[in-house]
Amino acid sequence: DFATPRAVLTGHDYEITCATICAELGLVISGSKEGPCLIHSMNGDLLRTLEGPETLEGPENCLRPKLIQASREGHCVIYYENGLFCVFSVNGRLQATMETDDKIK
């Protein structure tokens, strides 16, 4: 027997660099190399786009997500390549940001 995908998630224009699944809320959150993070339902419906803070402008400061984690309470923490942490609600609202010089893995 061959495994078949439950859903196909679309919306990114570039390769996916990080993703997480929040089974409690039925969400899949993914980030791509040169684009925003997207929230999909587990059925494959695109629900929201998570845009980073607008303080960073220009292609050299493009937000590149490296790590994503979601909580069952509906918070999503994203760590970007430039050392920026952002906390979003599942409704797409940016709730907090923090910069760090440390290398996070």
PDB file of N, CA and C in Angstrom:
ATOM      1  N   ASP A   1       0.829  -1.191   0.000  1.00  0.00           N
ATOM      2  CA  ASP A   1       0.000   0.000   0.000  1.00  0.00           C
ATOM      3  C   ASP A   1       0.868   1.246   0.000  1.00  0.00           C
ATOM      4  N   PHE A   2       0.354   2.265  -0.690  1.00  0.00           N
ATOM      5  CA  PHE A   2       1.051   3.531  -0.754  1.00  0.00           C
ATOM      6  C   PHE A   2       0.336   4.555   0.108  1.00  0.00           C
ATOM      7  N   ALA A   3       1.105   5.347   0.809  1.00  0.00           N
ATOM      8  CA  ALA A   3       0.524   6.421   1.622  1.00  0.00           C
ATOM      9  C   ALA A   3       0.100   7.561   0.705  1.00  0.00           C
ATOM     10  N   THR A   4      -1.053   8.121   0.974  1.00  0.00           N
ATOM     11  CA  THR A   4      -1.523   9.268   0.199  1.00  0.00           C
ATOM     12  C   THR A   4      -1.630  10.463   1.134  1.00  0.00           C
ATOM     13  N   PRO A   5      -1.354  11.662   0.625  1.00  0.00           N
ATOM     14  CA  PRO A   5      -1.433  12.835   1.491  1.00  0.00           C
ATOM     15  C   PRO A   5      -2.864  13.130   1.909  1.00  0.00           C
ATOM     16  N   ARG A   6      -3.007  13.600   3.122  1.00  0.00           N
ATOM     17  CA  ARG A   6      -4.324  13.983   3.628  1.00  0.00           C
ATOM     18  C   ARG A   6      -4.784  15.292   2.997  1.00  0.00           C
ATOM     19  N   ALA A   7      -3.832  16.184   2.738  1.00  0.00           N
ATOM     20  CA  ALA A   7      -4.128  17.476   2.122  1.00  0.00           C
ATOM     21  C   ALA A   7      -2.862  17.998   1.463  1.00  0.00           C
ATOM     22  N   VAL A   8      -3.039  18.846   0.468  1.00  0.00           N
ATOM     23  CA  VAL A   8      -1.930  19.538  -0.177  1.00  0.00           C
ATOM     24  C   VAL A   8      -2.050  21.007   0.198  1.00  0.00           C
ATOM     25  N   LEU A   9      -1.002  21.520   0.819  1.00  0.00           N
ATOM     26  CA  LEU A   9      -1.008  22.911   1.263  1.00  0.00           C
ATOM     27  C   LEU A   9      -0.331  23.776   0.209  1.00  0.00           C
ATOM     28  N   THR A  10      -0.994  24.839  -0.201  1.00  0.00           N
ATOM     29  CA  THR A  10      -0.455  25.717  -1.237  1.00  0.00           C
ATOM     30  C   THR A  10      -0.347  27.141  -0.704  1.00  0.00           C
ATOM     31  N   GLY A  11       0.387  27.977  -1.416  1.00  0.00           N
ATOM     32  CA  GLY A  11       0.458  29.384  -1.055  1.00  0.00           C
ATOM     33  C   GLY A  11       1.861  29.945  -0.998  1.00  0.00           C
ATOM     34  N   HIS A  12       2.865  29.106  -0.811  1.00  0.00           N
ATOM     35  CA  HIS A  12       4.247  29.604  -0.771  1.00  0.00           C
ATOM     36  C   HIS A  12       4.808  29.697  -2.177  1.00  0.00           C
ATOM     37  N   ASP A  13       5.617  30.726  -2.409  1.00  0.00           N
ATOM     38  CA  ASP A  13       6.287  30.889  -3.697  1.00  0.00           C
ATOM     39  C   ASP A  13       7.712  30.355  -3.681  1.00  0.00           C
ATOM     40  N   TYR A  14       8.248  30.100  -2.487  1.00  0.00           N
ATOM     41  CA  TYR A  14       9.616  29.624  -2.332  1.00  0.00           C
ATOM     42  C   TYR A  14       9.627  28.374  -1.463  1.00  0.00           C
ATOM     43  N   GLU A  15      10.794  27.755  -1.351  1.00  0.00           N
ATOM     44  CA  GLU A  15      10.906  26.514  -0.585  1.00  0.00           C
ATOM     45  C   GLU A  15      10.566  26.713   0.886  1.00  0.00           C
ATOM     46  N   ILE A  16       9.976  25.695   1.477  1.00  0.00           N
ATOM     47  CA  ILE A  16       9.594  25.710   2.884  1.00  0.00           C
ATOM     48  C   ILE A  16      10.849  25.491   3.731  1.00  0.00           C
ATOM     49  N   THR A  17      11.051  26.354   4.727  1.00  0.00           N
ATOM     50  CA  THR A  17      12.221  26.238   5.599  1.00  0.00           C
ATOM     51  C   THR A  17      11.868  25.726   6.987  1.00  0.00           C
ATOM     52  N   CYS A  18      10.600  25.873   7.391  1.00  0.00           N
ATOM     53  CA  CYS A  18      10.190  25.410   8.715  1.00  0.00           C
ATOM     54  C   CYS A  18       8.671  25.220   8.723  1.00  0.00           C
ATOM     55  N   ALA A  19       8.229  24.336   9.608  1.00  0.00           N
ATOM     56  CA  ALA A  19       6.791  24.070   9.720  1.00  0.00           C
ATOM     57  C   ALA A  19       6.500  23.455  11.081  1.00  0.00           C
ATOM     58  N   THR A  20       5.267  23.601  11.518  1.00  0.00           N
ATOM     59  CA  THR A  20       4.811  22.966  12.752  1.00  0.00           C
ATOM     60  C   THR A  20       3.339  22.611  12.602  1.00  0.00           C
ATOM     61  N   ILE A  21       2.908  21.630  13.368  1.00  0.00           N
ATOM     62  CA  ILE A  21       1.504  21.216  13.377  1.00  0.00           C
ATOM     63  C   ILE A  21       0.979  21.388  14.791  1.00  0.00           C
ATOM     64  N   CYS A  22      -0.175  22.018  14.903  1.00  0.00           N
ATOM     65  CA  CYS A  22      -0.859  22.140  16.187  1.00  0.00           C
ATOM     66  C   CYS A  22      -2.135  21.310  16.068  1.00  0.00           C
ATOM     67  N   ALA A  23      -2.039  20.052  16.466  1.00  0.00           N
ATOM     68  CA  ALA A  23      -3.164  19.125  16.316  1.00  0.00           C
ATOM     69  C   ALA A  23      -4.358  19.554  17.151  1.00  0.00           C
ATOM     70  N   GLU A  24      -4.112  20.177  18.321  1.00  0.00           N
ATOM     71  CA  GLU A  24      -5.212  20.592  19.192  1.00  0.00           C
ATOM     72  C   GLU A  24      -6.110  21.623  18.521  1.00  0.00           C
ATOM     73  N   LEU A  25      -5.518  22.500  17.712  1.00  0.00           N
ATOM     74  CA  LEU A  25      -6.289  23.533  17.022  1.00  0.00           C
ATOM     75  C   LEU A  25      -6.551  23.185  15.556  1.00  0.00           C
ATOM     76  N   GLY A  26      -5.967  22.089  15.077  1.00  0.00           N
ATOM     77  CA  GLY A  26      -6.167  21.680  13.687  1.00  0.00           C
ATOM     78  C   GLY A  26      -5.476  22.598  12.696  1.00  0.00           C
ATOM     79  N   LEU A  27      -4.252  23.064  13.045  1.00  0.00           N
ATOM     80  CA  LEU A  27      -3.548  24.029  12.204  1.00  0.00           C
ATOM     81  C   LEU A  27      -2.179  23.514  11.790  1.00  0.00           C
ATOM     82  N   VAL A  28      -1.750  23.947  10.608  1.00  0.00           N
ATOM     83  CA  VAL A  28      -0.400  23.729  10.118  1.00  0.00           C
ATOM     84  C   VAL A  28       0.167  25.113   9.819  1.00  0.00           C
ATOM     85  N   ILE A  29       1.335  25.423  10.389  1.00  0.00           N
ATOM     86  CA  ILE A  29       1.964  26.727  10.173  1.00  0.00           C
ATOM     87  C   ILE A  29       3.308  26.473   9.506  1.00  0.00           C
ATOM     88  N   SER A  30       3.562  27.178   8.411  1.00  0.00           N
ATOM     89  CA  SER A  30       4.789  26.951   7.659  1.00  0.00           C
ATOM     90  C   SER A  30       5.402  28.274   7.233  1.00  0.00           C
ATOM     91  N   GLY A  31       6.724  28.259   7.073  1.00  0.00           N
ATOM     92  CA  GLY A  31       7.451  29.445   6.628  1.00  0.00           C
ATOM     93  C   GLY A  31       8.318  29.101   5.438  1.00  0.00           C
ATOM     94  N   SER A  32       8.463  30.058   4.528  1.00  0.00           N
ATOM     95  CA  SER A  32       9.263  29.809   3.338  1.00  0.00           C
ATOM     96  C   SER A  32      10.493  30.713   3.305  1.00  0.00           C
ATOM     97  N   LYS A  33      11.420  30.380   2.434  1.00  0.00           N
ATOM     98  CA  LYS A  33      12.718  31.030   2.364  1.00  0.00           C
ATOM     99  C   LYS A  33      12.630  32.539   2.163  1.00  0.00           C
ATOM    100  N   GLU A  34      11.797  33.018   1.303  1.00  0.00           N
ATOM    101  CA  GLU A  34      11.720  34.444   0.994  1.00  0.00           C
ATOM    102  C   GLU A  34      10.308  34.995   1.131  1.00  0.00           C
ATOM    103  N   GLY A  35       9.485  34.369   1.934  1.00  0.00           N
ATOM    104  CA  GLY A  35       8.112  34.841   2.005  1.00  0.00           C
ATOM    105  C   GLY A  35       7.552  34.805   3.407  1.00  0.00           C
ATOM    106  N   PRO A  36       6.278  35.088   3.537  1.00  0.00           N
ATOM    107  CA  PRO A  36       5.653  35.104   4.861  1.00  0.00           C
ATOM    108  C   PRO A  36       5.372  33.692   5.368  1.00  0.00           C
ATOM    109  N   CYS A  37       4.999  33.607   6.624  1.00  0.00           N
ATOM    110  CA  CYS A  37       4.535  32.347   7.198  1.00  0.00           C
ATOM    111  C   CYS A  37       3.035  32.238   6.949  1.00  0.00           C
ATOM    112  N   LEU A  38       2.568  31.040   6.699  1.00  0.00           N
ATOM    113  CA  LEU A  38       1.158  30.810   6.392  1.00  0.00           C
ATOM    114  C   LEU A  38       0.545  29.848   7.398  1.00  0.00           C
ATOM    115  N   ILE A  39      -0.722  30.093   7.707  1.00  0.00           N
ATOM    116  CA  ILE A  39      -1.483  29.180   8.562  1.00  0.00           C
ATOM    117  C   ILE A  39      -2.528  28.494   7.693  1.00  0.00           C
ATOM    118  N   HIS A  40      -2.500  27.162   7.690  1.00  0.00           N
ATOM    119  CA  HIS A  40      -3.471  26.343   6.972  1.00  0.00           C
ATOM    120  C   HIS A  40      -4.264  25.507   7.969  1.00  0.00           C
ATOM    121  N   SER A  41      -5.468  25.146   7.574  1.00  0.00           N
ATOM    122  CA  SER A  41      -6.191  24.127   8.332  1.00  0.00           C
ATOM    123  C   SER A  41      -5.603  22.777   7.950  1.00  0.00           C
ATOM    124  N   MET A  42      -5.873  21.764   8.729  1.00  0.00           N
ATOM    125  CA  MET A  42      -5.356  20.435   8.404  1.00  0.00           C
ATOM    126  C   MET A  42      -6.026  19.854   7.157  1.00  0.00           C
ATOM    127  N   ASN A  43      -7.098  20.473   6.713  1.00  0.00           N
ATOM    128  CA  ASN A  43      -7.752  20.054   5.471  1.00  0.00           C
ATOM    129  C   ASN A  43      -7.126  20.709   4.253  1.00  0.00           C
ATOM    130  N   GLY A  44      -6.190  21.660   4.473  1.00  0.00           N
ATOM    131  CA  GLY A  44      -5.493  22.296   3.369  1.00  0.00           C
ATOM    132  C   GLY A  44      -5.968  23.697   3.040  1.00  0.00           C
ATOM    133  N   ASP A  45      -6.943  24.232   3.774  1.00  0.00           N
ATOM    134  CA  ASP A  45      -7.435  25.584   3.494  1.00  0.00           C
ATOM    135  C   ASP A  45      -6.457  26.617   4.043  1.00  0.00           C
ATOM    136  N   LEU A  46      -6.101  27.608   3.215  1.00  0.00           N
ATOM    137  CA  LEU A  46      -5.250  28.708   3.657  1.00  0.00           C
ATOM    138  C   LEU A  46      -6.087  29.649   4.500  1.00  0.00           C
ATOM    139  N   LEU A  47      -5.696  29.847   5.756  1.00  0.00           N
ATOM    140  CA  LEU A  47      -6.477  30.659   6.684  1.00  0.00           C
ATOM    141  C   LEU A  47      -5.909  32.060   6.880  1.00  0.00           C
ATOM    142  N   ARG A  48      -4.600  32.178   7.070  1.00  0.00           N
ATOM    143  CA  ARG A  48      -3.988  33.460   7.401  1.00  0.00           C
ATOM    144  C   ARG A  48      -2.555  33.536   6.874  1.00  0.00           C
ATOM    145  N   THR A  49      -2.100  34.769   6.743  1.00  0.00           N
ATOM    146  CA  THR A  49      -0.702  35.058   6.451  1.00  0.00           C
ATOM    147  C   THR A  49      -0.129  35.811   7.643  1.00  0.00           C
ATOM    148  N   LEU A  50       1.013  35.379   8.138  1.00  0.00           N
ATOM    149  CA  LEU A  50       1.668  36.038   9.263  1.00  0.00           C
ATOM    150  C   LEU A  50       2.783  36.920   8.715  1.00  0.00           C
ATOM    151  N   GLU A  51       2.563  38.214   8.725  1.00  0.00           N
ATOM    152  CA  GLU A  51       3.551  39.172   8.235  1.00  0.00           C
ATOM    153  C   GLU A  51       4.406  39.633   9.398  1.00  0.00           C
ATOM    154  N   GLY A  52       5.716  39.671   9.192  1.00  0.00           N
ATOM    155  CA  GLY A  52       6.623  40.148  10.224  1.00  0.00           C
ATOM    156  C   GLY A  52       6.487  41.646  10.411  1.00  0.00           C
ATOM    157  N   PRO A  53       7.170  42.197  11.398  1.00  0.00           N
ATOM    158  CA  PRO A  53       7.070  43.629  11.660  1.00  0.00           C
ATOM    159  C   PRO A  53       7.581  44.447  10.476  1.00  0.00           C
ATOM    160  N   GLU A  54       7.000  45.598  10.291  1.00  0.00           N
ATOM    161  CA  GLU A  54       7.335  46.432   9.135  1.00  0.00           C
ATOM    162  C   GLU A  54       8.526  47.341   9.385  1.00  0.00           C
ATOM    163  N   THR A  55       9.216  47.151  10.491  1.00  0.00           N
ATOM    164  CA  THR A  55      10.397  47.967  10.765  1.00  0.00           C
ATOM    165  C   THR A  55      11.570  47.557   9.891  1.00  0.00           C
ATOM    166  N   LEU A  56      11.522  46.354   9.369  1.00  0.00           N
ATOM    167  CA  LEU A  56      12.599  45.874   8.504  1.00  0.00           C
ATOM    168  C   LEU A  56      12.162  45.999   7.054  1.00  0.00           C
ATOM    169  N   GLU A  57      12.874  46.830   6.309  1.00  0.00           N
ATOM    170  CA  GLU A  57      12.493  47.049   4.919  1.00  0.00           C
ATOM    171  C   GLU A  57      13.681  46.763   4.015  1.00  0.00           C
ATOM    172  N   GLY A  58      13.392  46.404   2.792  1.00  0.00           N
ATOM    173  CA  GLY A  58      14.434  46.148   1.810  1.00  0.00           C
ATOM    174  C   GLY A  58      14.762  44.678   1.708  1.00  0.00           C
ATOM    175  N   PRO A  59      15.249  44.245   0.539  1.00  0.00           N
ATOM    176  CA  PRO A  59      15.533  42.831   0.313  1.00  0.00           C
ATOM    177  C   PRO A  59      16.635  42.281   1.216  1.00  0.00           C
ATOM    178  N   GLU A  60      17.591  43.131   1.637  1.00  0.00           N
ATOM    179  CA  GLU A  60      18.664  42.628   2.496  1.00  0.00           C
ATOM    180  C   GLU A  60      18.151  42.317   3.899  1.00  0.00           C
ATOM    181  N   ASN A  61      17.002  42.871   4.280  1.00  0.00           N
ATOM    182  CA  ASN A  61      16.428  42.621   5.602  1.00  0.00           C
ATOM    183  C   ASN A  61      15.181  41.747   5.546  1.00  0.00           C
ATOM    184  N   CYS A  62      15.027  41.023   4.452  1.00  0.00           N
ATOM    185  CA  CYS A  62      13.856  40.155   4.300  1.00  0.00           C
ATOM    186  C   CYS A  62      13.791  39.177   5.471  1.00  0.00           C
ATOM    187  N   LEU A  63      12.628  39.036   6.036  1.00  0.00           N
ATOM    188  CA  LEU A  63      12.465  38.110   7.159  1.00  0.00           C
ATOM    189  C   LEU A  63      12.439  36.684   6.632  1.00  0.00           C
ATOM    190  N   ARG A  64      13.382  35.889   7.085  1.00  0.00           N
ATOM    191  CA  ARG A  64      13.479  34.491   6.673  1.00  0.00           C
ATOM    192  C   ARG A  64      13.238  33.614   7.895  1.00  0.00           C
ATOM    193  N   PRO A  65      12.066  33.001   7.996  1.00  0.00           N
ATOM    194  CA  PRO A  65      11.778  32.174   9.171  1.00  0.00           C
ATOM    195  C   PRO A  65      12.647  30.922   9.206  1.00  0.00           C
ATOM    196  N   LYS A  66      13.165  30.619  10.399  1.00  0.00           N
ATOM    197  CA  LYS A  66      13.982  29.423  10.588  1.00  0.00           C
ATOM    198  C   LYS A  66      13.303  28.406  11.487  1.00  0.00           C
ATOM    199  N   LEU A  67      12.600  28.869  12.517  1.00  0.00           N
ATOM    200  CA  LEU A  67      11.932  27.979  13.463  1.00  0.00           C
ATOM    201  C   LEU A  67      10.527  28.489  13.747  1.00  0.00           C
ATOM    202  N   ILE A  68       9.584  27.563  13.880  1.00  0.00           N
ATOM    203  CA  ILE A  68       8.197  27.908  14.221  1.00  0.00           C
ATOM    204  C   ILE A  68       7.723  26.937  15.288  1.00  0.00           C
ATOM    205  N   GLN A  69       7.020  27.461  16.267  1.00  0.00           N
ATOM    206  CA  GLN A  69       6.382  26.602  17.270  1.00  0.00           C
ATOM    207  C   GLN A  69       5.027  27.195  17.624  1.00  0.00           C
ATOM    208  N   ALA A  70       4.021  26.364  17.723  1.00  0.00           N
ATOM    209  CA  ALA A  70       2.668  26.807  18.076  1.00  0.00           C
ATOM    210  C   ALA A  70       2.257  26.178  19.395  1.00  0.00           C
ATOM    211  N   SER A  71       1.463  26.910  20.158  1.00  0.00           N
ATOM    212  CA  SER A  71       0.954  26.382  21.428  1.00  0.00           C
ATOM    213  C   SER A  71      -0.517  26.031  21.277  1.00  0.00           C
ATOM    214  N   ARG A  72      -1.005  25.204  22.170  1.00  0.00           N
ATOM    215  CA  ARG A  72      -2.428  24.847  22.111  1.00  0.00           C
ATOM    216  C   ARG A  72      -3.320  25.998  22.538  1.00  0.00           C
ATOM    217  N   GLU A  73      -2.746  27.050  23.119  1.00  0.00           N
ATOM    218  CA  GLU A  73      -3.524  28.236  23.489  1.00  0.00           C
ATOM    219  C   GLU A  73      -3.703  29.193  22.320  1.00  0.00           C
ATOM    220  N   GLY A  74      -3.054  28.917  21.207  1.00  0.00           N
ATOM    221  CA  GLY A  74      -3.236  29.745  20.017  1.00  0.00           C
ATOM    222  C   GLY A  74      -2.158  30.782  19.790  1.00  0.00           C
ATOM    223  N   HIS A  75      -0.974  30.575  20.352  1.00  0.00           N
ATOM    224  CA  HIS A  75       0.148  31.477  20.112  1.00  0.00           C
ATOM    225  C   HIS A  75       1.159  30.795  19.201  1.00  0.00           C
ATOM    226  N   CYS A  76       1.767  31.575  18.354  1.00  0.00           N
ATOM    227  CA  CYS A  76       2.768  31.063  17.430  1.00  0.00           C
ATOM    228  C   CYS A  76       4.037  31.883  17.600  1.00  0.00           C
ATOM    229  N   VAL A  77       5.157  31.216  17.908  1.00  0.00           N
ATOM    230  CA  VAL A  77       6.447  31.880  18.033  1.00  0.00           C
ATOM    231  C   VAL A  77       7.262  31.545  16.792  1.00  0.00           C
ATOM    232  N   ILE A  78       7.789  32.588  16.160  1.00  0.00           N
ATOM    233  CA  ILE A  78       8.602  32.405  14.964  1.00  0.00           C
ATOM    234  C   ILE A  78       9.963  33.046  15.212  1.00  0.00           C
ATOM    235  N   TYR A  79      11.023  32.301  14.915  1.00  0.00           N
ATOM    236  CA  TYR A  79      12.382  32.830  14.988  1.00  0.00           C
ATOM    237  C   TYR A  79      12.865  33.028  13.563  1.00  0.00           C
ATOM    238  N   TYR A  80      13.299  34.249  13.262  1.00  0.00           N
ATOM    239  CA  TYR A  80      13.772  34.594  11.927  1.00  0.00           C
ATOM    240  C   TYR A  80      15.300  34.581  11.883  1.00  0.00           C
ATOM    241  N   GLU A  81      15.837  34.411  10.686  1.00  0.00           N
ATOM    242  CA  GLU A  81      17.266  34.291  10.450  1.00  0.00           C
ATOM    243  C   GLU A  81      18.069  35.475  11.006  1.00  0.00           C
ATOM    244  N   ASN A  82      17.497  36.661  11.036  1.00  0.00           N
ATOM    245  CA  ASN A  82      18.220  37.855  11.482  1.00  0.00           C
ATOM    246  C   ASN A  82      18.212  38.023  13.003  1.00  0.00           C
ATOM    247  N   GLY A  83      17.750  37.014  13.764  1.00  0.00           N
ATOM    248  CA  GLY A  83      17.762  37.080  15.209  1.00  0.00           C
ATOM    249  C   GLY A  83      16.511  37.671  15.827  1.00  0.00           C
ATOM    250  N   LEU A  84      15.447  37.746  15.075  1.00  0.00           N
ATOM    251  CA  LEU A  84      14.201  38.332  15.552  1.00  0.00           C
ATOM    252  C   LEU A  84      13.211  37.234  15.939  1.00  0.00           C
ATOM    253  N   PHE A  85      12.672  37.330  17.145  1.00  0.00           N
ATOM    254  CA  PHE A  85      11.580  36.469  17.588  1.00  0.00           C
ATOM    255  C   PHE A  85      10.285  37.266  17.474  1.00  0.00           C
ATOM    256  N   CYS A  86       9.227  36.638  16.976  1.00  0.00           N
ATOM    257  CA  CYS A  86       7.910  37.270  16.917  1.00  0.00           C
ATOM    258  C   CYS A  86       6.877  36.305  17.487  1.00  0.00           C
ATOM    259  N   VAL A  87       5.930  36.839  18.217  1.00  0.00           N
ATOM    260  CA  VAL A  87       4.816  36.056  18.739  1.00  0.00           C
ATOM    261  C   VAL A  87       3.555  36.562  18.064  1.00  0.00           C
ATOM    262  N   PHE A  88       2.817  35.645  17.438  1.00  0.00           N
ATOM    263  CA  PHE A  88       1.571  35.960  16.755  1.00  0.00           C
ATOM    264  C   PHE A  88       0.431  35.206  17.420  1.00  0.00           C
ATOM    265  N   SER A  89      -0.768  35.754  17.314  1.00  0.00           N
ATOM    266  CA  SER A  89      -1.963  34.989  17.659  1.00  0.00           C
ATOM    267  C   SER A  89      -2.343  34.193  16.421  1.00  0.00           C
ATOM    268  N   VAL A  90      -3.183  33.170  16.572  1.00  0.00           N
ATOM    269  CA  VAL A  90      -3.614  32.399  15.408  1.00  0.00           C
ATOM    270  C   VAL A  90      -4.519  33.231  14.497  1.00  0.00           C
ATOM    271  N   ASN A  91      -4.946  34.397  14.979  1.00  0.00           N
ATOM    272  CA  ASN A  91      -5.719  35.313  14.135  1.00  0.00           C
ATOM    273  C   ASN A  91      -4.818  36.178  13.277  1.00  0.00           C
ATOM    274  N   GLY A  92      -3.493  36.021  13.410  1.00  0.00           N
ATOM    275  CA  GLY A  92      -2.557  36.747  12.573  1.00  0.00           C
ATOM    276  C   GLY A  92      -2.053  38.044  13.173  1.00  0.00           C
ATOM    277  N   ARG A  93      -2.434  38.360  14.384  1.00  0.00           N
ATOM    278  CA  ARG A  93      -2.011  39.614  15.012  1.00  0.00           C
ATOM    279  C   ARG A  93      -0.629  39.438  15.643  1.00  0.00           C
ATOM    280  N   LEU A  94       0.276  40.370  15.311  1.00  0.00           N
ATOM    281  CA  LEU A  94       1.600  40.380  15.916  1.00  0.00           C
ATOM    282  C   LEU A  94       1.452  40.878  17.346  1.00  0.00           C
ATOM    283  N   GLN A  95       1.875  40.071  18.319  1.00  0.00           N
ATOM    284  CA  GLN A  95       1.695  40.415  19.724  1.00  0.00           C
ATOM    285  C   GLN A  95       2.963  40.920  20.398  1.00  0.00           C
ATOM    286  N   ALA A  96       4.122  40.420  19.986  1.00  0.00           N
ATOM    287  CA  ALA A  96       5.370  40.848  20.614  1.00  0.00           C
ATOM    288  C   ALA A  96       6.546  40.513  19.708  1.00  0.00           C
ATOM    289  N   THR A  97       7.621  41.267  19.868  1.00  0.00           N
ATOM    290  CA  THR A  97       8.867  40.990  19.155  1.00  0.00           C
ATOM    291  C   THR A  97      10.035  41.126  20.120  1.00  0.00           C
ATOM    292  N   MET A  98      11.132  40.459  19.792  1.00  0.00           N
ATOM    293  CA  MET A  98      12.351  40.551  20.584  1.00  0.00           C
ATOM    294  C   MET A  98      13.528  40.196  19.683  1.00  0.00           C
ATOM    295  N   GLU A  99      14.596  40.968  19.764  1.00  0.00           N
ATOM    296  CA  GLU A  99      15.790  40.681  18.979  1.00  0.00           C
ATOM    297  C   GLU A  99      16.856  40.060  19.868  1.00  0.00           C
ATOM    298  N   THR A 100      17.661  39.174  19.267  1.00  0.00           N
ATOM    299  CA  THR A 100      18.753  38.545  19.998  1.00  0.00           C
ATOM    300  C   THR A 100      19.951  38.399  19.058  1.00  0.00           C
ATOM    301  N   ASP A 101      21.136  38.442  19.617  1.00  0.00           N
ATOM    302  CA  ASP A 101      22.353  38.232  18.841  1.00  0.00           C
ATOM    303  C   ASP A 101      22.819  36.787  18.893  1.00  0.00           C
ATOM    304  N   ASP A 102      22.145  35.981  19.718  1.00  0.00           N
ATOM    305  CA  ASP A 102      22.519  34.574  19.877  1.00  0.00           C
ATOM    306  C   ASP A 102      22.101  33.764  18.659  1.00  0.00           C
ATOM    307  N   LYS A 103      22.839  32.701  18.386  1.00  0.00           N
ATOM    308  CA  LYS A 103      22.501  31.755  17.322  1.00  0.00           C
ATOM    309  C   LYS A 103      21.552  30.714  17.916  1.00  0.00           C
ATOM    310  N   ILE A 104      20.350  30.634  17.414  1.00  0.00           N
ATOM    311  CA  ILE A 104      19.336  29.712  17.923  1.00  0.00           C
ATOM    312  C   ILE A 104      19.231  28.545  16.963  1.00  0.00           C
ATOM    313  N   LYS A 105      19.222  27.315  17.495  1.00  0.00           N
ATOM    314  CA  LYS A 105      19.075  26.127  16.651  1.00  0.00           C
ATOM    315  C   LYS A 105      17.985  25.253  17.206  1.00  0.00           C
TER     316      LYS A 105
END
